[in-house]
Amino acid sequence: MKRSICIETLFTELPFNERFQAAKDAGFDYVEFWGWADKDLARMKKLADEAGVKFASMSGDRDYSLVDPEHKEKYIDFLKKSINAAKEIDCKILVIHSNALGDGGIVVNHYTELSMNKKICTMYDMLKEVAPLAEEAGVTLVLEALNTLVDHVGNFLETTQQGAEMIQTLNSPNVKLLYDVYHMQLNEGKICDTLSKYIKDIGYIHVADAPGRHEPGTGEINYGNVFKHLEQLGYDSFIGFELFPKVDTETAIKAIKSV
C-alpha cells in the first residue's frame, strides 16, 4: 500500500508551496491535492520534483454534476481539461463526485426535482462517455461517495454499494471507487465487511477518523485493524490521509505513522 498525504488539509501552517518539501521531510513520497484550476501546475511540478515527491491524486471535477443532464457537455469538457492538467504533473488518479461541491464541501444543488432513476441514468451516461477518455490517457477516475449526515448534505452518491454497482456496470479498468473510510463510517459502518465485498472495485482509499475527521486515534475507528484487513485482502493501491489535524500537523503525522 502506498501512502499519500493531502497538502490541502495538512501542513497548513506553511505556505502551499512549502508543503511538498514538508511532506517529504515527514516521510511521504506522494502528495494529493484538490482543485487544479486555481494553481500554477508548472510551479507545483517543479516543487514536487525538487522535493522528491509525486502526485497521487487530484480533483477531476469542479462546478458540474454527474447527475445533472444539463451539465453533460460542460462536465465532459472540464474533465478533458482535468486529464490534460493531470498529464502535465504526471498524476494518474482523478477524483470525481456525483454532485458539484462549493466552498467548504457544501453540495451546490440537491436536485430534489430529479428522480433517483434520472440521476442514476444520467450518471451512467456521462461515465460511459468519459471512461474511454481516461483509458486513452492512462489515468484512473475514482468515484467518491460522501457522507450526507454532516459534511455533504444532499449529495446523491452516499453508499459504497451505489458506487460499486455503477463501476461494475461500466466495466472499465480506468473507473474505480474512492472508498473514504470517514464518510462511509458515518453513512453505513461495516468497514471491513464492505472492503471485503468491494475491494476489486476500489482504486483509492481516504483515511480520517470519525467523528471529527481528524487523525487516526481521535475517534472510534480501529485503523490498526482496518489496515491489517487491507493487507490480508491484498490491497496495493493508495491510502490517502485526507484529514484535519485535531491539534497540529506534527501531532497528526505522529498518529498517522503509528498505524
Protein backbone atom coordinates (compact mmCIF):
# COMPACT_ATOMS: atom_id res chain seq x y z
CA MET A 1 0.00 0.00 0.00
CA LYS A 2 1.27 3.43 -0.95
CA ARG A 3 0.67 6.32 1.44
CA SER A 4 -0.21 9.80 0.30
CA ILE A 5 -0.69 12.98 2.32
CA CYS A 6 -3.23 15.68 1.47
CA ILE A 7 -1.47 19.03 1.38
CA GLU A 8 -4.79 20.88 1.36
CA THR A 9 -5.58 19.76 4.91
CA LEU A 10 -2.16 19.05 6.42
CA PHE A 11 0.88 21.32 6.69
CA THR A 12 -1.49 24.27 6.55
CA GLU A 13 0.82 26.06 8.99
CA LEU A 14 3.05 26.57 5.94
CA PRO A 15 2.54 28.39 2.62
CA PHE A 16 1.24 25.98 -0.01
CA ASN A 17 4.49 25.95 -1.98
CA GLU A 18 6.42 24.79 1.08
CA ARG A 19 4.23 21.77 1.75
CA PHE A 20 5.87 19.50 -0.82
CA GLN A 21 9.20 19.52 0.99
CA ALA A 22 7.41 19.28 4.34
CA ALA A 23 5.61 16.15 3.16
CA LYS A 24 8.90 14.59 2.05
CA ASP A 25 10.59 15.54 5.31
CA ALA A 26 7.71 13.84 7.14
CA GLY A 27 8.41 10.62 5.26
CA PHE A 28 5.89 10.71 2.42
CA ASP A 29 6.70 10.04 -1.23
CA TYR A 30 3.26 11.04 -2.53
CA VAL A 31 1.00 14.06 -2.10
CA GLU A 32 -2.55 14.80 -3.16
CA PHE A 33 -4.50 17.99 -3.56
CA TRP A 34 -7.96 19.18 -4.58
CA GLY A 35 -8.75 21.53 -7.45
CA TRP A 36 -6.13 22.37 -10.08
CA ALA A 37 -7.74 25.30 -11.91
CA ASP A 38 -6.55 27.93 -9.42
CA LYS A 39 -2.99 26.58 -9.18
CA ASP A 40 0.28 27.06 -11.05
CA LEU A 41 0.79 23.49 -12.22
CA ALA A 42 4.23 24.04 -13.69
CA ARG A 43 5.42 25.53 -10.41
CA MET A 44 3.85 22.66 -8.44
CA LYS A 45 5.56 20.07 -10.63
CA LYS A 46 8.90 21.81 -10.17
CA LEU A 47 8.50 21.96 -6.38
CA ALA A 48 7.40 18.33 -6.23
CA ASP A 49 10.38 17.22 -8.32
CA GLU A 50 12.77 19.22 -6.17
CA ALA A 51 11.32 17.69 -3.00
CA GLY A 52 11.30 14.19 -4.44
CA VAL A 53 7.56 13.58 -4.16
CA LYS A 54 4.99 12.50 -6.75
CA PHE A 55 1.33 13.34 -7.17
CA ALA A 56 -1.03 10.57 -6.10
CA SER A 57 -4.35 12.21 -6.92
CA MET A 58 -6.19 15.44 -7.63
CA SER A 59 -9.76 16.55 -8.20
CA GLY A 60 -11.12 15.97 -11.68
CA ASP A 61 -14.42 17.83 -11.44
CA ARG A 62 -15.45 21.22 -10.15
CA ASP A 63 -18.64 23.13 -10.85
CA TYR A 64 -20.60 20.45 -12.66
CA SER A 65 -22.58 17.40 -11.55
CA LEU A 66 -22.71 13.85 -12.91
CA VAL A 67 -26.41 13.65 -12.06
CA ASP A 68 -27.46 16.78 -13.94
CA PRO A 69 -28.39 16.01 -17.56
CA GLU A 70 -27.92 19.68 -18.45
CA HIS A 71 -24.30 19.53 -17.28
CA LYS A 72 -23.18 16.73 -19.58
CA GLU A 73 -21.32 18.78 -22.17
CA LYS A 74 -19.73 21.09 -19.57
CA TYR A 75 -18.79 18.20 -17.27
CA ILE A 76 -17.07 16.27 -20.03
CA ASP A 77 -15.30 19.38 -21.31
CA PHE A 78 -13.93 20.17 -17.85
CA LEU A 79 -12.88 16.57 -17.28
CA LYS A 80 -10.89 16.68 -20.52
CA LYS A 81 -9.08 19.74 -19.17
CA SER A 82 -8.51 17.92 -15.89
CA ILE A 83 -6.95 14.98 -17.72
CA ASN A 84 -4.59 17.35 -19.53
CA ALA A 85 -3.73 19.01 -16.21
CA ALA A 86 -3.03 15.60 -14.69
CA LYS A 87 -0.72 14.74 -17.57
CA GLU A 88 1.18 17.99 -17.03
CA ILE A 89 2.14 17.00 -13.49
CA ASP A 90 2.22 13.22 -14.07
CA CYS A 91 -0.76 12.48 -11.81
CA LYS A 92 -2.50 9.20 -12.60
CA ILE A 93 -5.67 9.47 -10.49
CA LEU A 94 -8.54 11.95 -10.71
CA VAL A 95 -11.22 12.11 -8.02
CA ILE A 96 -14.80 12.66 -9.22
CA HIS A 97 -18.15 13.12 -7.45
CA SER A 98 -21.84 12.84 -8.19
CA ASN A 99 -22.55 16.48 -7.30
CA ALA A 100 -20.71 19.76 -7.66
CA LEU A 101 -19.27 20.94 -4.35
CA GLY A 102 -18.92 24.57 -3.28
CA ASP A 103 -16.89 26.22 -0.55
CA GLY A 104 -16.46 24.02 2.48
CA GLY A 105 -17.71 21.00 0.54
CA ILE A 106 -21.28 22.22 0.51
CA VAL A 107 -23.38 20.42 -2.12
CA VAL A 108 -24.36 23.15 -4.57
CA ASN A 109 -27.59 21.57 -5.82
CA HIS A 110 -29.52 18.68 -4.24
CA TYR A 111 -31.56 18.10 -7.41
CA THR A 112 -34.69 17.26 -5.46
CA GLU A 113 -36.69 17.79 -8.65
CA LEU A 114 -35.00 14.81 -10.31
CA SER A 115 -35.98 11.21 -9.59
CA MET A 116 -33.42 8.65 -8.43
CA ASN A 117 -33.77 6.82 -11.75
CA LYS A 118 -33.00 10.00 -13.67
CA LYS A 119 -29.90 10.65 -11.58
CA ILE A 120 -28.63 7.09 -11.94
CA CYS A 121 -29.15 7.02 -15.70
CA THR A 122 -27.56 10.43 -16.14
CA MET A 123 -24.51 9.45 -14.11
CA TYR A 124 -24.09 6.21 -16.05
CA ASP A 125 -24.49 8.01 -19.37
CA MET A 126 -21.76 10.51 -18.52
CA LEU A 127 -19.37 7.97 -17.05
CA LYS A 128 -19.80 5.78 -20.11
CA GLU A 129 -18.55 8.67 -22.24
CA VAL A 130 -15.65 9.70 -20.01
CA ALA A 131 -14.35 6.18 -19.36
CA PRO A 132 -12.73 5.87 -22.81
CA LEU A 133 -11.09 9.26 -22.30
CA ALA A 134 -9.48 8.01 -19.09
CA GLU A 135 -8.43 4.75 -20.73
CA GLU A 136 -6.82 6.56 -23.65
CA ALA A 137 -4.99 8.97 -21.34
CA GLY A 138 -3.83 6.27 -18.95
CA VAL A 139 -5.45 7.84 -15.91
CA THR A 140 -7.95 6.37 -13.46
CA LEU A 141 -11.13 8.12 -12.37
CA VAL A 142 -12.12 7.30 -8.80
CA LEU A 143 -15.76 7.97 -7.92
CA GLU A 144 -16.24 9.04 -4.30
CA ALA A 145 -19.35 8.61 -2.17
CA LEU A 146 -19.69 11.23 0.58
CA ASN A 147 -21.40 11.34 3.94
CA THR A 148 -24.74 13.10 3.82
CA LEU A 149 -25.20 13.46 7.58
CA VAL A 150 -22.52 16.02 8.49
CA ASP A 151 -20.39 17.40 5.66
CA HIS A 152 -22.23 16.96 2.37
CA VAL A 153 -25.98 17.05 2.91
CA GLY A 154 -27.80 16.46 -0.37
CA ASN A 155 -25.04 14.54 -2.15
CA PHE A 156 -26.53 11.83 -4.35
CA LEU A 157 -23.85 9.13 -4.09
CA GLU A 158 -23.85 8.10 -0.44
CA THR A 159 -23.13 4.36 -0.22
CA THR A 160 -20.38 2.03 -1.36
CA GLN A 161 -22.92 -0.28 -2.96
CA GLN A 162 -24.30 2.50 -5.16
CA GLY A 163 -20.85 3.37 -6.43
CA ALA A 164 -19.69 -0.21 -6.81
CA GLU A 165 -22.70 -1.25 -8.85
CA MET A 166 -22.14 1.73 -11.14
CA ILE A 167 -18.47 0.76 -11.56
CA GLN A 168 -19.33 -2.86 -12.19
CA THR A 169 -21.90 -1.93 -14.83
CA LEU A 170 -19.43 0.34 -16.62
CA ASN A 171 -16.78 -2.39 -16.54
CA SER A 172 -13.87 -0.05 -17.32
CA PRO A 173 -10.43 -0.70 -15.82
CA ASN A 174 -9.97 3.06 -15.54
CA VAL A 175 -13.06 3.89 -13.48
CA LYS A 176 -12.89 2.76 -9.86
CA LEU A 177 -14.22 3.71 -6.43
CA LEU A 178 -12.66 6.02 -3.92
CA TYR A 179 -13.61 4.49 -0.57
CA ASP A 180 -13.43 7.19 2.10
CA VAL A 181 -13.42 5.43 5.47
CA TYR A 182 -14.56 8.52 7.36
CA HIS A 183 -17.51 9.22 5.08
CA MET A 184 -18.62 5.61 4.93
CA GLN A 185 -18.30 5.07 8.68
CA LEU A 186 -20.85 7.86 9.14
CA ASN A 187 -23.18 6.66 6.38
CA GLU A 188 -23.05 2.87 6.62
CA GLY A 189 -20.41 1.48 9.01
CA LYS A 190 -19.27 -2.15 8.50
CA ILE A 191 -15.88 -1.02 7.22
CA CYS A 192 -14.07 -4.35 6.98
CA ASP A 193 -17.09 -6.24 5.62
CA THR A 194 -17.57 -3.55 2.97
CA LEU A 195 -13.90 -3.63 1.99
CA SER A 196 -14.05 -7.41 1.63
CA LYS A 197 -17.10 -7.21 -0.59
CA TYR A 198 -15.96 -4.43 -2.90
CA ILE A 199 -12.15 -4.46 -2.79
CA LYS A 200 -11.89 -5.27 -6.51
CA ASP A 201 -13.81 -2.10 -7.32
CA ILE A 202 -11.74 0.18 -5.07
CA GLY A 203 -8.87 2.16 -6.57
CA TYR A 204 -8.16 4.61 -3.76
CA ILE A 205 -8.84 4.89 -0.04
CA HIS A 206 -9.13 8.03 2.08
CA VAL A 207 -8.43 7.99 5.80
CA ALA A 208 -9.73 10.16 8.64
CA ASP A 209 -11.22 9.18 11.98
CA ALA A 210 -14.87 9.58 12.92
CA PRO A 211 -16.36 11.62 14.32
CA GLY A 212 -14.42 14.81 13.67
CA ARG A 213 -12.44 13.92 10.52
CA HIS A 214 -9.17 14.09 12.42
CA GLU A 215 -6.15 11.77 12.52
CA PRO A 216 -6.40 8.05 13.47
CA GLY A 217 -6.81 7.54 17.20
CA THR A 218 -9.03 10.57 17.76
CA GLY A 219 -12.30 8.76 17.06
CA GLU A 220 -13.98 5.38 17.02
CA ILE A 221 -12.34 3.68 14.04
CA ASN A 222 -9.74 0.99 14.77
CA TYR A 223 -7.38 1.81 11.92
CA GLY A 224 -4.84 -0.77 13.03
CA ASN A 225 -7.37 -3.49 12.27
CA VAL A 226 -8.56 -1.78 9.07
CA PHE A 227 -5.02 -1.64 7.67
CA LYS A 228 -4.35 -5.27 8.64
CA HIS A 229 -7.54 -6.23 6.85
CA LEU A 230 -6.47 -4.35 3.73
CA GLU A 231 -3.15 -6.20 3.75
CA GLN A 232 -4.98 -9.51 4.03
CA LEU A 233 -7.14 -8.53 1.05
CA GLY A 234 -4.03 -7.73 -0.99
CA TYR A 235 -4.88 -4.07 -1.49
CA ASP A 236 -1.85 -2.42 -3.11
CA SER A 237 -3.07 0.99 -4.27
CA PHE A 238 -3.09 4.32 -2.41
CA ILE A 239 -4.16 5.20 1.07
CA GLY A 240 -4.55 8.95 1.21
CA PHE A 241 -4.57 10.77 4.54
CA GLU A 242 -7.16 13.46 3.89
CA LEU A 243 -7.84 14.71 7.40
CA PHE A 244 -7.86 17.82 9.55
CA PRO A 245 -5.36 17.74 12.44
CA LYS A 246 -7.04 17.94 15.82
CA VAL A 247 -4.12 19.90 17.28
CA ASP A 248 -1.49 20.49 14.61
CA THR A 249 0.17 18.74 11.68
CA GLU A 250 3.12 17.46 13.72
CA THR A 251 0.81 15.68 16.14
CA ALA A 252 -1.31 14.31 13.29
CA ILE A 253 1.74 12.94 11.46
CA LYS A 254 2.82 11.03 14.56
CA ALA A 255 -0.63 9.45 14.76
CA ILE A 256 -0.58 8.60 11.05
CA LYS A 257 2.78 6.87 11.37
CA SER A 258 1.55 4.84 14.32
CA VAL A 259 -0.88 2.85 12.16
